[in-house]
Amino acid sequence: MLFGYSIIPKDTKEVEKIAKEIKEGGFNYLEISLDYPIPTKNEFLNEVISNIKNEGLKFSFHAPWRGIDLASPWEPLRKGAVKVIENILDIASRLEGMYVVIHLTTSERLSDAKDEIVNAAIESVKELLDAAKRLGIDFYIENVGKLGHPDILGHIMDETNAEFCLDIVHAIVDFSKRHKIDLERVDVDDVLETWKNSIGSNVKCMHIHGYTLDEGRLRIHTGLTYPITKRVAAKYITLFEPQYVTLEVFHSPNGPASPRFVAKELEEIKGWMKVYKRT
């Protein structure tokens, strides 16, 4: 099992500094977000990868997702989205990344055309699986957005044998919204047991972070605190046994999360994992 640190690269020197710090903090790889226009800047991206490799670290990618609707029932839009992600898979393959995380999204209301939307997603996944096989790169579907339900992604898995990146906070927030339950009242164990039963065999990656509620306002990608504590994260990492675990922690109580802050989170998670592996 490898542990990663999430980054949106803005400056090559910053990446070099972060790579040094996270290696010292016990991380194995960087998960690089390819937000636009990063995929179009070949020289910049090559230098980012070179700085990461120089520290002896591996790397993976999070594909762009804004406006890229792989589940659109509008066929020209869906095909355009597939073409964009195929290009990302090609970039990841050429740079020798480990995997790519993608989103299955649509701007349409699920209630208006659920079957067409799900079928569009399935068709996109099949086409991308063919491309990924040809290019020699893996991709994992993250549970996010309108299709980020265990029943829908379970059906997509059955139809395609796709693999997944499970985000614990996304799973809990989705459950809260679908069942109109206050977030504080959601039973984390029940939610993740449902996910284990639906796609557990094909979860290859996990995204780990916390969330806070400030006067009812949700903020995600925080440090781990109740109910998603380091112990809870360790419990479910141990249960799902993914190949890759990426900490997507961007906010600390005192501002932006530093590599040192995130490394401390990882250290405590690993400590709890040892406890769960003994039980």
Foldseek 3Di string as FASTA:
>chain_A
DFEEAEDADDDLVVLLVLLQLLVVLRHAEYAYECEPPNVVPVVRVVSSLVSNVVSVHAYHYEYYAVQLACLELPVVSNVVSLVRVLSVLLVCLVSVHAAYEYEHHDPDDCVVPVVSSLVSNLVSLQVVVVSCVVSVHAYAYEQADPQNALVSVLVSCVSHVHAHEYELVRQLVVVCVVVVHPSLPGDSVVSVVSNCVRHLVRYQEYEDWDWDADVNDIDTLAHADPPRHLLNVLLVCLVSVHNYYYYSRQAYPVGGDGSVNVSVSVVSNVVSNVVNVVD
